[in-house]
C-alpha atoms as a PDB file:
ATOM      1  CA  MET A   1     -15.998  -3.517  13.461  1.00  0.00           C
ATOM      2  CA  VAL A   2     -13.063  -5.957  12.696  1.00  0.00           C
ATOM      3  CA  SER A   3     -11.604  -7.647  15.782  1.00  0.00           C
ATOM      4  CA  ASP A   4      -7.886  -8.035  16.275  1.00  0.00           C
ATOM      5  CA  SER A   5      -8.294 -11.894  16.050  1.00  0.00           C
ATOM      6  CA  ASP A   6     -10.051 -11.421  12.831  1.00  0.00           C
ATOM      7  CA  LEU A   7      -6.930  -9.547  11.538  1.00  0.00           C
ATOM      8  CA  ILE A   8      -4.382 -12.041  13.075  1.00  0.00           C
ATOM      9  CA  PRO A   9      -6.056 -15.298  13.719  1.00  0.00           C
ATOM     10  CA  ASP A  10      -2.788 -16.886  14.788  1.00  0.00           C
ATOM     11  CA  ALA A  11      -2.645 -14.541  18.070  1.00  0.00           C
ATOM     12  CA  LYS A  12      -5.636 -16.274  19.483  1.00  0.00           C
ATOM     13  CA  LEU A  13      -3.904 -19.718  19.318  1.00  0.00           C
ATOM     14  CA  TRP A  14      -1.132 -18.830  21.589  1.00  0.00           C
ATOM     15  CA  ASN A  15      -1.002 -19.545  25.292  1.00  0.00           C
ATOM     16  CA  ASN A  16      -2.839 -22.738  24.901  1.00  0.00           C
ATOM     17  CA  GLY A  17      -5.831 -21.116  23.131  1.00  0.00           C
ATOM     18  CA  ARG A  18      -6.153 -18.124  25.392  1.00  0.00           C
ATOM     19  CA  GLY A  19      -4.307 -15.969  22.962  1.00  0.00           C
ATOM     20  CA  ILE A  20      -1.986 -12.993  23.562  1.00  0.00           C
ATOM     21  CA  ASP A  21      -2.108  -9.153  22.610  1.00  0.00           C
ATOM     22  CA  LEU A  22      -0.801  -8.185  19.249  1.00  0.00           C
ATOM     23  CA  GLU A  23       2.333  -6.457  20.431  1.00  0.00           C
ATOM     24  CA  SER A  24       3.458  -9.554  22.172  1.00  0.00           C
ATOM     25  CA  TRP A  25       2.499 -11.556  19.036  1.00  0.00           C
ATOM     26  CA  ILE A  26       4.641  -9.165  16.969  1.00  0.00           C
ATOM     27  CA  ALA A  27       7.523  -9.466  19.478  1.00  0.00           C
ATOM     28  CA  MET A  28       7.491 -13.412  19.395  1.00  0.00           C
ATOM     29  CA  ASN A  29       7.015 -13.643  15.588  1.00  0.00           C
ATOM     30  CA  GLY A  30       8.630 -10.776  13.981  1.00  0.00           C
ATOM     31  CA  ASN A  31      12.385  -9.732  13.259  1.00  0.00           C
ATOM     32  CA  TYR A  32      14.052  -6.531  12.703  1.00  0.00           C
ATOM     33  CA  ASP A  33      14.809  -7.212   8.832  1.00  0.00           C
ATOM     34  CA  LEU A  34      10.768  -7.517   8.347  1.00  0.00           C
ATOM     35  CA  ALA A  35      10.145  -4.518  10.516  1.00  0.00           C
ATOM     36  CA  VAL A  36      12.582  -2.239   8.397  1.00  0.00           C
ATOM     37  CA  GLY A  37      11.160  -3.778   5.186  1.00  0.00           C
ATOM     38  CA  TYR A  38       7.718  -3.083   6.358  1.00  0.00           C
ATOM     39  CA  SER A  39       8.641   0.546   7.164  1.00  0.00           C
ATOM     40  CA  LEU A  40       9.621   1.144   3.676  1.00  0.00           C
ATOM     41  CA  LEU A  41       5.907   0.010   2.722  1.00  0.00           C
ATOM     42  CA  PHE A  42       4.341   1.847   5.374  1.00  0.00           C
ATOM     43  CA  TRP A  43       6.244   4.957   5.005  1.00  0.00           C
ATOM     44  CA  PRO A  44       7.304   4.986   1.436  1.00  0.00           C
ATOM     45  CA  GLU A  45       9.749   7.029  -0.394  1.00  0.00           C
ATOM     46  CA  PHE A  46       9.110   8.517  -3.732  1.00  0.00           C
ATOM     47  CA  VAL A  47      11.141   9.707  -6.871  1.00  0.00           C
ATOM     48  CA  GLU A  48      10.329  12.392  -9.057  1.00  0.00           C
ATOM     49  CA  ILE A  49      11.051  11.848 -12.948  1.00  0.00           C
ATOM     50  CA  ASP A  50      10.007  14.628 -15.386  1.00  0.00           C
ATOM     51  CA  ASP A  51       7.296  15.854 -12.913  1.00  0.00           C
ATOM     52  CA  TYR A  52       5.927  12.371 -12.351  1.00  0.00           C
ATOM     53  CA  VAL A  53       5.863  11.341  -8.755  1.00  0.00           C
ATOM     54  CA  LEU A  54       6.584   7.611  -8.592  1.00  0.00           C
ATOM     55  CA  ARG A  55       7.196   5.197  -5.930  1.00  0.00           C
ATOM     56  CA  GLN A  56      10.911   4.604  -5.007  1.00  0.00           C
ATOM     57  CA  GLY A  57      12.376   1.990  -7.362  1.00  0.00           C
ATOM     58  CA  SER A  58      10.843   3.260 -10.426  1.00  0.00           C
ATOM     59  CA  THR A  59      12.998   3.916 -13.336  1.00  0.00           C
ATOM     60  CA  GLU A  60      13.040   6.366 -16.238  1.00  0.00           C
ATOM     61  CA  ALA A  61      13.388   3.499 -18.561  1.00  0.00           C
ATOM     62  CA  ASN A  62      10.042   1.931 -17.313  1.00  0.00           C
ATOM     63  CA  LEU A  63       8.411   5.289 -17.315  1.00  0.00           C
ATOM     64  CA  ARG A  64       9.470   5.787 -21.002  1.00  0.00           C
ATOM     65  CA  GLU A  65       8.090   2.258 -21.999  1.00  0.00           C
ATOM     66  CA  TRP A  66       4.576   3.381 -20.357  1.00  0.00           C
ATOM     67  CA  GLU A  67       4.791   6.679 -22.251  1.00  0.00           C
ATOM     68  CA  LYS A  68       5.322   4.793 -25.550  1.00  0.00           C
ATOM     69  CA  ARG A  69       2.055   2.839 -24.942  1.00  0.00           C
ATOM     70  CA  GLY A  70       0.167   6.064 -24.869  1.00  0.00           C
ATOM     71  CA  GLY A  71      -2.462   7.405 -22.350  1.00  0.00           C
ATOM     72  CA  GLY A  72      -2.272  10.467 -20.001  1.00  0.00           C
ATOM     73  CA  ARG A  73      -0.025  11.227 -17.201  1.00  0.00           C
ATOM     74  CA  LYS A  74      -2.664  10.188 -14.582  1.00  0.00           C
ATOM     75  CA  ALA A  75      -3.002   6.750 -16.215  1.00  0.00           C
ATOM     76  CA  ILE A  76       0.871   6.348 -16.252  1.00  0.00           C
ATOM     77  CA  GLU A  77       1.316   7.430 -12.828  1.00  0.00           C
ATOM     78  CA  ALA A  78      -1.486   5.139 -11.633  1.00  0.00           C
ATOM     79  CA  VAL A  79      -0.107   1.825 -13.195  1.00  0.00           C
ATOM     80  CA  ILE A  80       3.329   2.706 -12.309  1.00  0.00           C
ATOM     81  CA  ASN A  81       2.479   3.508  -8.690  1.00  0.00           C
ATOM     82  CA  HIS A  82      -0.005   0.534  -8.246  1.00  0.00           C
ATOM     83  CA  ILE A  83       0.428  -2.237  -5.531  1.00  0.00           C
ATOM     84  CA  HIS A  84      -1.547  -5.447  -5.445  1.00  0.00           C
ATOM     85  CA  ILE A  85      -2.061  -5.825  -1.621  1.00  0.00           C
ATOM     86  CA  ALA A  86      -1.949  -9.551  -2.016  1.00  0.00           C
ATOM     87  CA  ASP A  87       1.470  -9.420  -3.557  1.00  0.00           C
ATOM     88  CA  ILE A  88       2.812  -7.991  -0.354  1.00  0.00           C
ATOM     89  CA  HIS A  89       3.540 -11.597   0.484  1.00  0.00           C
ATOM     90  CA  TYR A  90       3.344 -13.914  -2.750  1.00  0.00           C
ATOM     91  CA  GLY A  91       1.355 -16.931  -2.438  1.00  0.00           C
ATOM     92  CA  ALA A  92       0.599 -16.471   1.221  1.00  0.00           C
ATOM     93  CA  SER A  93      -2.796 -17.248   2.561  1.00  0.00           C
ATOM     94  CA  VAL A  94      -4.742 -13.999   3.219  1.00  0.00           C
ATOM     95  CA  SER A  95      -8.313 -13.255   4.234  1.00  0.00           C
ATOM     96  CA  GLU A  96     -10.548 -10.550   2.543  1.00  0.00           C
ATOM     97  CA  VAL A  97     -10.658  -8.764   6.018  1.00  0.00           C
ATOM     98  CA  GLN A  98      -6.866  -8.509   6.155  1.00  0.00           C
ATOM     99  CA  LEU A  99      -6.596  -7.335   2.505  1.00  0.00           C
ATOM    100  CA  ARG A 100      -9.117  -4.595   3.009  1.00  0.00           C
ATOM    101  CA  HIS A 101      -7.650  -3.619   6.338  1.00  0.00           C
ATOM    102  CA  LEU A 102      -4.111  -3.303   4.928  1.00  0.00           C
ATOM    103  CA  GLY A 103      -5.504  -1.552   1.758  1.00  0.00           C
ATOM    104  CA  ARG A 104      -7.191   0.978   3.997  1.00  0.00           C
ATOM    105  CA  ALA A 105      -4.227   1.588   6.298  1.00  0.00           C
ATOM    106  CA  LEU A 106      -1.975   1.971   3.210  1.00  0.00           C
ATOM    107  CA  GLN A 107      -4.381   4.503   1.613  1.00  0.00           C
ATOM    108  CA  ALA A 108      -4.299   6.719   4.759  1.00  0.00           C
ATOM    109  CA  ILE A 109      -0.545   6.385   5.095  1.00  0.00           C
ATOM    110  CA  TYR A 110       0.098   7.357   1.249  1.00  0.00           C
ATOM    111  CA  GLN A 111      -2.377  10.289   1.520  1.00  0.00           C
ATOM    112  CA  GLN A 112      -0.372  11.606   4.507  1.00  0.00           C
ATOM    113  CA  LYS A 113       3.093  10.930   3.074  1.00  0.00           C
ATOM    114  CA  LEU A 114       2.354  12.373  -0.263  1.00  0.00           C
ATOM    115  CA  ALA A 115       0.995  15.460   1.319  1.00  0.00           C
ATOM    116  CA  ALA A 116       3.987  15.765   3.575  1.00  0.00           C
ATOM    117  CA  ASP A 117       6.572  15.379   0.938  1.00  0.00           C
ATOM    118  CA  TYR A 118       4.644  17.403  -1.715  1.00  0.00           C
ATOM    119  CA  PRO A 119       2.638  20.040  -0.102  1.00  0.00           C
ATOM    120  CA  GLU A 120       2.262  22.122  -3.418  1.00  0.00           C
ATOM    121  CA  ARG A 121       0.901  19.004  -5.307  1.00  0.00           C
ATOM    122  CA  ALA A 122      -2.550  17.315  -5.074  1.00  0.00           C
ATOM    123  CA  PHE A 123      -2.754  13.604  -5.225  1.00  0.00           C
ATOM    124  CA  GLU A 124      -5.620  11.017  -5.437  1.00  0.00           C
ATOM    125  CA  VAL A 125      -4.810   7.880  -3.569  1.00  0.00           C
ATOM    126  CA  HIS A 126      -7.208   4.983  -4.601  1.00  0.00           C
ATOM    127  CA  PHE A 127      -7.906   1.844  -2.929  1.00  0.00           C
ATOM    128  CA  ASN A 128     -10.935  -0.255  -4.144  1.00  0.00           C
ATOM    129  CA  ASP A 129     -12.237  -1.366  -0.828  1.00  0.00           C
ATOM    130  CA  GLU A 130     -15.117  -3.268  -2.222  1.00  0.00           C
ATOM    131  CA  PRO A 131     -16.378  -6.633  -0.411  1.00  0.00           C
ATOM    132  CA  GLY A 132     -16.195  -9.826  -2.714  1.00  0.00           C
ATOM    133  CA  LEU A 133     -13.296  -8.961  -4.963  1.00  0.00           C
ATOM    134  CA  ASP A 134     -10.752 -11.618  -5.976  1.00  0.00           C
ATOM    135  CA  SER A 135      -7.731 -11.174  -3.712  1.00  0.00           C
ATOM    136  CA  ILE A 136      -5.388  -9.978  -6.644  1.00  0.00           C
ATOM    137  CA  ASP A 137      -7.907  -6.993  -7.305  1.00  0.00           C
ATOM    138  CA  TYR A 138      -7.403  -5.319  -3.960  1.00  0.00           C
ATOM    139  CA  GLU A 139      -5.017  -2.602  -5.387  1.00  0.00           C
ATOM    140  CA  LEU A 140      -3.546   0.662  -4.119  1.00  0.00           C
ATOM    141  CA  THR A 141      -2.482   3.351  -6.484  1.00  0.00           C
ATOM    142  CA  PHE A 142      -1.845   7.100  -6.601  1.00  0.00           C
ATOM    143  CA  PHE A 143      -1.513   9.826  -9.174  1.00  0.00           C
ATOM    144  CA  GLN A 144      -1.320  13.609  -9.223  1.00  0.00           C
ATOM    145  CA  VAL A 145      -4.459  15.596  -9.933  1.00  0.00           C
ATOM    146  CA  PRO A 146      -4.463  19.346 -11.355  1.00  0.00           C
ATOM    147  CA  THR A 147      -4.864  21.887  -8.552  1.00  0.00           C
ATOM    148  CA  VAL A 148      -7.255  24.918  -9.191  1.00  0.00           C
ATOM    149  CA  ILE A 149      -5.373  28.219  -9.073  1.00  0.00           C
ATOM    150  CA  GLU A 150      -7.522  30.974  -7.644  1.00  0.00           C
END
């Protein structure tokens, strides 16, 4: 089990080394711009373009470029929808423990949000939760999978 101090090492440095709880740490370090920004990542919006389900901000022009390159719908959705966890904060120091924790959390969130927004469709939400990867290789993506009609 990963401890809070493994996830946020800075919190244990506060209070002359005695540490503070994570809610207090957030209150001291965060701001509402970040909170709103994170809410858009952690409870995402999606757009539909020609029956593709894509992350908010995706464009028809970008979709058409990927279609020109070939590949099936699943592959196109997967590449357009992918997120490198390490790119959430460009160039910031991050541990594997943090990357994997965020990836697992985002995977669960995206599964729930896609199911809530598109109950008639099925999705695969993939996060490569393997130890020892390069930071940039921790990715989250999703794509539609065919549903079986009985």
